């Protein structure tokens, strides 16, 4: 069973709008989620739209061993 999707397009757009003027922490307080929840949702949206992190990134080492990544 899939989890209910909590990040709708409207919520993502609201988060982007808030981040234009506020810190991630303050935007999280306003939206009732953590700053990491906002950052994760925006990053997943970015990847869904075709972003692939660089293979030499120290934060993406696991991807080097997955099928289809280099």
PDB file of N, CA and C in Angstrom:
ATOM      1  N   UNK A   1       0.837  -1.170   0.000  1.00  0.00           N
ATOM      2  CA  UNK A   1       0.000   0.000   0.000  1.00  0.00           C
ATOM      3  C   UNK A   1       0.893   1.247   0.000  1.00  0.00           C
ATOM      4  N   UNK A   2       0.579   2.194  -0.884  1.00  0.00           N
ATOM      5  CA  UNK A   2       1.355   3.427  -0.980  1.00  0.00           C
ATOM      6  C   UNK A   2       0.911   4.426   0.075  1.00  0.00           C
ATOM      7  N   UNK A   3       1.879   5.215   0.516  1.00  0.00           N
ATOM      8  CA  UNK A   3       1.550   6.287   1.445  1.00  0.00           C
ATOM      9  C   UNK A   3       0.795   7.391   0.712  1.00  0.00           C
ATOM     10  N   UNK A   4      -0.009   8.089   1.455  1.00  0.00           N
ATOM     11  CA  UNK A   4      -0.727   9.222   0.883  1.00  0.00           C
ATOM     12  C   UNK A   4       0.282  10.327   0.568  1.00  0.00           C
ATOM     13  N   UNK A   5       0.179  10.897  -0.618  1.00  0.00           N
ATOM     14  CA  UNK A   5       1.088  11.945  -1.030  1.00  0.00           C
ATOM     15  C   UNK A   5       0.733  13.231  -0.297  1.00  0.00           C
ATOM     16  N   UNK A   6       1.677  13.742   0.491  1.00  0.00           N
ATOM     17  CA  UNK A   6       1.384  14.963   1.236  1.00  0.00           C
ATOM     18  C   UNK A   6       1.900  16.207   0.527  1.00  0.00           C
ATOM     19  N   UNK A   7       2.833  16.052  -0.405  1.00  0.00           N
ATOM     20  CA  UNK A   7       3.385  17.199  -1.117  1.00  0.00           C
ATOM     21  C   UNK A   7       2.673  17.357  -2.456  1.00  0.00           C
ATOM     22  N   UNK A   8       1.623  18.123  -2.432  1.00  0.00           N
ATOM     23  CA  UNK A   8       0.900  18.428  -3.665  1.00  0.00           C
ATOM     24  C   UNK A   8       1.617  19.562  -4.391  1.00  0.00           C
ATOM     25  N   UNK A   9       1.228  19.808  -5.618  1.00  0.00           N
ATOM     26  CA  UNK A   9       1.818  20.916  -6.383  1.00  0.00           C
ATOM     27  C   UNK A   9       1.597  22.248  -5.665  1.00  0.00           C
ATOM     28  N   UNK A  10       0.430  22.408  -5.060  1.00  0.00           N
ATOM     29  CA  UNK A  10       0.126  23.646  -4.345  1.00  0.00           C
ATOM     30  C   UNK A  10       1.074  23.849  -3.171  1.00  0.00           C
ATOM     31  N   UNK A  11       1.330  22.776  -2.406  1.00  0.00           N
ATOM     32  CA  UNK A  11       2.229  22.884  -1.263  1.00  0.00           C
ATOM     33  C   UNK A  11       3.660  23.140  -1.708  1.00  0.00           C
ATOM     34  N   UNK A  12       4.081  22.504  -2.799  1.00  0.00           N
ATOM     35  CA  UNK A  12       5.430  22.754  -3.312  1.00  0.00           C
ATOM     36  C   UNK A  12       5.574  24.204  -3.763  1.00  0.00           C
ATOM     37  N   UNK A  13       4.570  24.712  -4.438  1.00  0.00           N
ATOM     38  CA  UNK A  13       4.615  26.105  -4.880  1.00  0.00           C
ATOM     39  C   UNK A  13       4.615  27.066  -3.694  1.00  0.00           C
ATOM     40  N   UNK A  14       3.854  26.739  -2.661  1.00  0.00           N
ATOM     41  CA  UNK A  14       3.837  27.572  -1.456  1.00  0.00           C
ATOM     42  C   UNK A  14       5.216  27.576  -0.800  1.00  0.00           C
ATOM     43  N   UNK A  15       5.845  26.406  -0.731  1.00  0.00           N
ATOM     44  CA  UNK A  15       7.181  26.312  -0.138  1.00  0.00           C
ATOM     45  C   UNK A  15       8.178  27.144  -0.941  1.00  0.00           C
ATOM     46  N   UNK A  16       8.122  27.054  -2.258  1.00  0.00           N
ATOM     47  CA  UNK A  16       9.028  27.850  -3.104  1.00  0.00           C
ATOM     48  C   UNK A  16       8.821  29.339  -2.881  1.00  0.00           C
ATOM     49  N   UNK A  17       7.559  29.747  -2.774  1.00  0.00           N
ATOM     50  CA  UNK A  17       7.242  31.157  -2.564  1.00  0.00           C
ATOM     51  C   UNK A  17       7.795  31.628  -1.213  1.00  0.00           C
ATOM     52  N   UNK A  18       7.601  30.822  -0.170  1.00  0.00           N
ATOM     53  CA  UNK A  18       8.104  31.189   1.155  1.00  0.00           C
ATOM     54  C   UNK A  18       9.629  31.250   1.167  1.00  0.00           C
ATOM     55  N   UNK A  19      10.279  30.333   0.457  1.00  0.00           N
ATOM     56  CA  UNK A  19      11.735  30.304   0.455  1.00  0.00           C
ATOM     57  C   UNK A  19      12.331  31.489  -0.298  1.00  0.00           C
ATOM     58  N   UNK A  20      11.513  32.190  -1.052  1.00  0.00           N
ATOM     59  CA  UNK A  20      11.994  33.395  -1.706  1.00  0.00           C
ATOM     60  C   UNK A  20      12.310  34.507  -0.717  1.00  0.00           C
ATOM     61  N   UNK A  21      11.683  34.466   0.451  1.00  0.00           N
ATOM     62  CA  UNK A  21      11.872  35.533   1.424  1.00  0.00           C
ATOM     63  C   UNK A  21      12.294  35.042   2.814  1.00  0.00           C
ATOM     64  N   UNK A  22      12.061  33.773   3.109  1.00  0.00           N
ATOM     65  CA  UNK A  22      12.340  33.250   4.454  1.00  0.00           C
ATOM     66  C   UNK A  22      13.371  32.136   4.413  1.00  0.00           C
ATOM     67  N   UNK A  23      13.911  31.812   5.588  1.00  0.00           N
ATOM     68  CA  UNK A  23      14.797  30.655   5.697  1.00  0.00           C
ATOM     69  C   UNK A  23      13.960  29.376   5.633  1.00  0.00           C
ATOM     70  N   UNK A  24      14.631  28.275   5.396  1.00  0.00           N
ATOM     71  CA  UNK A  24      13.932  26.994   5.329  1.00  0.00           C
ATOM     72  C   UNK A  24      13.271  26.663   6.660  1.00  0.00           C
ATOM     73  N   UNK A  25      13.940  26.977   7.762  1.00  0.00           N
ATOM     74  CA  UNK A  25      13.376  26.710   9.090  1.00  0.00           C
ATOM     75  C   UNK A  25      12.085  27.477   9.313  1.00  0.00           C
ATOM     76  N   UNK A  26      12.096  28.771   8.965  1.00  0.00           N
ATOM     77  CA  UNK A  26      10.909  29.593   9.173  1.00  0.00           C
ATOM     78  C   UNK A  26       9.773  29.158   8.251  1.00  0.00           C
ATOM     79  N   UNK A  27      10.106  28.801   7.020  1.00  0.00           N
ATOM     80  CA  UNK A  27       9.078  28.304   6.099  1.00  0.00           C
ATOM     81  C   UNK A  27       8.480  27.006   6.635  1.00  0.00           C
ATOM     82  N   UNK A  28       9.313  26.155   7.232  1.00  0.00           N
ATOM     83  CA  UNK A  28       8.833  24.904   7.813  1.00  0.00           C
ATOM     84  C   UNK A  28       7.877  25.136   8.963  1.00  0.00           C
ATOM     85  N   UNK A  29       8.174  26.118   9.792  1.00  0.00           N
ATOM     86  CA  UNK A  29       7.285  26.443  10.917  1.00  0.00           C
ATOM     87  C   UNK A  29       5.930  26.901  10.385  1.00  0.00           C
ATOM     88  N   UNK A  30       5.943  27.742   9.371  1.00  0.00           N
ATOM     89  CA  UNK A  30       4.685  28.248   8.804  1.00  0.00           C
ATOM     90  C   UNK A  30       3.866  27.117   8.189  1.00  0.00           C
ATOM     91  N   UNK A  31       4.554  26.185   7.503  1.00  0.00           N
ATOM     92  CA  UNK A  31       3.849  25.091   6.832  1.00  0.00           C
ATOM     93  C   UNK A  31       3.565  23.913   7.755  1.00  0.00           C
ATOM     94  N   UNK A  32       4.174  23.904   8.936  1.00  0.00           N
ATOM     95  CA  UNK A  32       3.937  22.821   9.883  1.00  0.00           C
ATOM     96  C   UNK A  32       4.733  21.560   9.599  1.00  0.00           C
ATOM     97  N   UNK A  33       5.890  21.713   8.945  1.00  0.00           N
ATOM     98  CA  UNK A  33       6.784  20.584   8.665  1.00  0.00           C
ATOM     99  C   UNK A  33       8.203  21.000   9.017  1.00  0.00           C
ATOM    100  N   UNK A  34       9.117  20.043   8.995  1.00  0.00           N
ATOM    101  CA  UNK A  34      10.507  20.372   9.299  1.00  0.00           C
ATOM    102  C   UNK A  34      11.197  20.974   8.084  1.00  0.00           C
ATOM    103  N   UNK A  35      12.327  21.628   8.329  1.00  0.00           N
ATOM    104  CA  UNK A  35      13.092  22.198   7.214  1.00  0.00           C
ATOM    105  C   UNK A  35      13.584  21.087   6.293  1.00  0.00           C
ATOM    106  N   UNK A  36      13.932  19.941   6.860  1.00  0.00           N
ATOM    107  CA  UNK A  36      14.408  18.825   6.038  1.00  0.00           C
ATOM    108  C   UNK A  36      13.295  18.241   5.177  1.00  0.00           C
ATOM    109  N   UNK A  37      12.064  18.301   5.656  1.00  0.00           N
ATOM    110  CA  UNK A  37      10.934  17.831   4.846  1.00  0.00           C
ATOM    111  C   UNK A  37      10.782  18.710   3.610  1.00  0.00           C
ATOM    112  N   UNK A  38      10.931  20.015   3.792  1.00  0.00           N
ATOM    113  CA  UNK A  38      10.844  20.931   2.653  1.00  0.00           C
ATOM    114  C   UNK A  38      11.985  20.693   1.681  1.00  0.00           C
ATOM    115  N   UNK A  39      13.203  20.616   2.210  1.00  0.00           N
ATOM    116  CA  UNK A  39      14.366  20.405   1.341  1.00  0.00           C
ATOM    117  C   UNK A  39      14.264  19.081   0.588  1.00  0.00           C
ATOM    118  N   UNK A  40      13.818  18.031   1.265  1.00  0.00           N
ATOM    119  CA  UNK A  40      13.673  16.732   0.612  1.00  0.00           C
ATOM    120  C   UNK A  40      12.622  16.743  -0.479  1.00  0.00           C
ATOM    121  N   UNK A  41      11.505  17.387  -0.209  1.00  0.00           N
ATOM    122  CA  UNK A  41      10.433  17.447  -1.209  1.00  0.00           C
ATOM    123  C   UNK A  41      10.881  18.216  -2.448  1.00  0.00           C
ATOM    124  N   UNK A  42      11.564  19.335  -2.240  1.00  0.00           N
ATOM    125  CA  UNK A  42      12.038  20.123  -3.377  1.00  0.00           C
ATOM    126  C   UNK A  42      13.127  19.378  -4.152  1.00  0.00           C
ATOM    127  N   UNK A  43      13.987  18.653  -3.440  1.00  0.00           N
ATOM    128  CA  UNK A  43      15.031  17.879  -4.110  1.00  0.00           C
ATOM    129  C   UNK A  43      14.433  16.734  -4.925  1.00  0.00           C
ATOM    130  N   UNK A  44      13.429  16.052  -4.375  1.00  0.00           N
ATOM    131  CA  UNK A  44      12.781  14.963  -5.123  1.00  0.00           C
ATOM    132  C   UNK A  44      12.088  15.500  -6.364  1.00  0.00           C
ATOM    133  N   UNK A  45      11.481  16.674  -6.250  1.00  0.00           N
ATOM    134  CA  UNK A  45      10.849  17.285  -7.417  1.00  0.00           C
ATOM    135  C   UNK A  45      11.905  17.624  -8.473  1.00  0.00           C
ATOM    136  N   UNK A  46      13.029  18.125  -8.012  1.00  0.00           N
ATOM    137  CA  UNK A  46      14.134  18.474  -8.918  1.00  0.00           C
ATOM    138  C   UNK A  46      14.631  17.230  -9.658  1.00  0.00           C
ATOM    139  N   UNK A  47      14.802  16.107  -8.945  1.00  0.00           N
ATOM    140  CA  UNK A  47      15.228  14.864  -9.581  1.00  0.00           C
ATOM    141  C   UNK A  47      14.173  14.328 -10.540  1.00  0.00           C
ATOM    142  N   UNK A  48      12.903  14.475 -10.173  1.00  0.00           N
ATOM    143  CA  UNK A  48      11.817  14.018 -11.035  1.00  0.00           C
ATOM    144  C   UNK A  48      11.842  14.772 -12.361  1.00  0.00           C
ATOM    145  N   UNK A  49      12.295  16.013 -12.333  1.00  0.00           N
ATOM    146  CA  UNK A  49      12.360  16.839 -13.529  1.00  0.00           C
ATOM    147  C   UNK A  49      13.655  16.667 -14.314  1.00  0.00           C
ATOM    148  N   UNK A  50      14.465  15.663 -13.953  1.00  0.00           N
ATOM    149  CA  UNK A  50      15.632  15.332 -14.759  1.00  0.00           C
ATOM    150  C   UNK A  50      16.989  15.648 -14.171  1.00  0.00           C
ATOM    151  N   UNK A  51      17.055  16.245 -12.994  1.00  0.00           N
ATOM    152  CA  UNK A  51      18.349  16.562 -12.392  1.00  0.00           C
ATOM    153  C   UNK A  51      19.050  15.281 -11.958  1.00  0.00           C
ATOM    154  N   UNK A  52      20.337  15.189 -12.297  1.00  0.00           N
ATOM    155  CA  UNK A  52      21.163  14.074 -11.844  1.00  0.00           C
ATOM    156  C   UNK A  52      22.381  14.677 -11.161  1.00  0.00           C
ATOM    157  N   UNK A  53      22.597  14.385  -9.875  1.00  0.00           N
ATOM    158  CA  UNK A  53      23.750  14.941  -9.172  1.00  0.00           C
ATOM    159  C   UNK A  53      25.051  14.462  -9.815  1.00  0.00           C
ATOM    160  N   UNK A  54      26.123  15.251  -9.735  1.00  0.00           N
ATOM    161  CA  UNK A  54      27.395  14.829 -10.311  1.00  0.00           C
ATOM    162  C   UNK A  54      27.910  13.558  -9.641  1.00  0.00           C
ATOM    163  N   UNK A  55      28.518  12.697 -10.424  1.00  0.00           N
ATOM    164  CA  UNK A  55      29.018  11.432  -9.876  1.00  0.00           C
ATOM    165  C   UNK A  55      30.151  11.637  -8.885  1.00  0.00           C
ATOM    166  N   UNK A  56      30.890  12.738  -9.004  1.00  0.00           N
ATOM    167  CA  UNK A  56      32.011  12.954  -8.086  1.00  0.00           C
ATOM    168  C   UNK A  56      31.590  13.664  -6.800  1.00  0.00           C
ATOM    169  N   UNK A  57      30.303  13.834  -6.580  1.00  0.00           N
ATOM    170  CA  UNK A  57      29.814  14.469  -5.365  1.00  0.00           C
ATOM    171  C   UNK A  57      30.031  13.542  -4.169  1.00  0.00           C
ATOM    172  N   UNK A  58      30.620  14.054  -3.087  1.00  0.00           N
ATOM    173  CA  UNK A  58      30.810  13.214  -1.899  1.00  0.00           C
ATOM    174  C   UNK A  58      29.493  12.840  -1.232  1.00  0.00           C
ATOM    175  N   UNK A  59      28.415  13.527  -1.584  1.00  0.00           N
ATOM    176  CA  UNK A  59      27.113  13.253  -0.974  1.00  0.00           C
ATOM    177  C   UNK A  59      26.308  12.237  -1.766  1.00  0.00           C
ATOM    178  N   UNK A  60      26.803  11.805  -2.910  1.00  0.00           N
ATOM    179  CA  UNK A  60      26.044  10.906  -3.775  1.00  0.00           C
ATOM    180  C   UNK A  60      26.830   9.636  -4.101  1.00  0.00           C
ATOM    181  N   UNK A  61      27.683   9.206  -3.203  1.00  0.00           N
ATOM    182  CA  UNK A  61      28.534   8.044  -3.471  1.00  0.00           C
ATOM    183  C   UNK A  61      27.748   6.770  -3.736  1.00  0.00           C
ATOM    184  N   UNK A  62      26.622   6.583  -3.081  1.00  0.00           N
ATOM    185  CA  UNK A  62      25.846   5.353  -3.234  1.00  0.00           C
ATOM    186  C   UNK A  62      25.404   5.167  -4.674  1.00  0.00           C
ATOM    187  N   UNK A  63      25.068   6.250  -5.365  1.00  0.00           N
ATOM    188  CA  UNK A  63      24.596   6.168  -6.726  1.00  0.00           C
ATOM    189  C   UNK A  63      25.607   5.544  -7.671  1.00  0.00           C
ATOM    190  N   UNK A  64      26.898   5.653  -7.353  1.00  0.00           N
ATOM    191  CA  UNK A  64      27.937   5.131  -8.242  1.00  0.00           C
ATOM    192  C   UNK A  64      27.783   3.625  -8.436  1.00  0.00           C
ATOM    193  N   UNK A  65      27.170   2.963  -7.480  1.00  0.00           N
ATOM    194  CA  UNK A  65      27.059   1.512  -7.539  1.00  0.00           C
ATOM    195  C   UNK A  65      25.694   1.018  -7.993  1.00  0.00           C
ATOM    196  N   UNK A  66      24.805   1.949  -8.262  1.00  0.00           N
ATOM    197  CA  UNK A  66      23.473   1.552  -8.735  1.00  0.00           C
ATOM    198  C   UNK A  66      23.498   1.381 -10.249  1.00  0.00           C
ATOM    199  N   UNK A  67      22.609   0.543 -10.718  1.00  0.00           N
ATOM    200  CA  UNK A  67      22.487   0.293 -12.140  1.00  0.00           C
ATOM    201  C   UNK A  67      22.104   1.576 -12.870  1.00  0.00           C
ATOM    202  N   UNK A  68      22.812   1.887 -13.937  1.00  0.00           N
ATOM    203  CA  UNK A  68      22.477   3.045 -14.755  1.00  0.00           C
ATOM    204  C   UNK A  68      23.193   4.324 -14.378  1.00  0.00           C
ATOM    205  N   UNK A  69      24.058   4.292 -13.367  1.00  0.00           N
ATOM    206  CA  UNK A  69      24.792   5.482 -12.966  1.00  0.00           C
ATOM    207  C   UNK A  69      26.279   5.250 -13.149  1.00  0.00           C
ATOM    208  N   UNK A  70      26.780   5.539 -14.311  1.00  0.00           N
ATOM    209  CA  UNK A  70      28.204   5.539 -14.591  1.00  0.00           C
ATOM    210  C   UNK A  70      28.818   4.221 -14.605  1.00  0.00           C
TER     211      UNK A  70
END
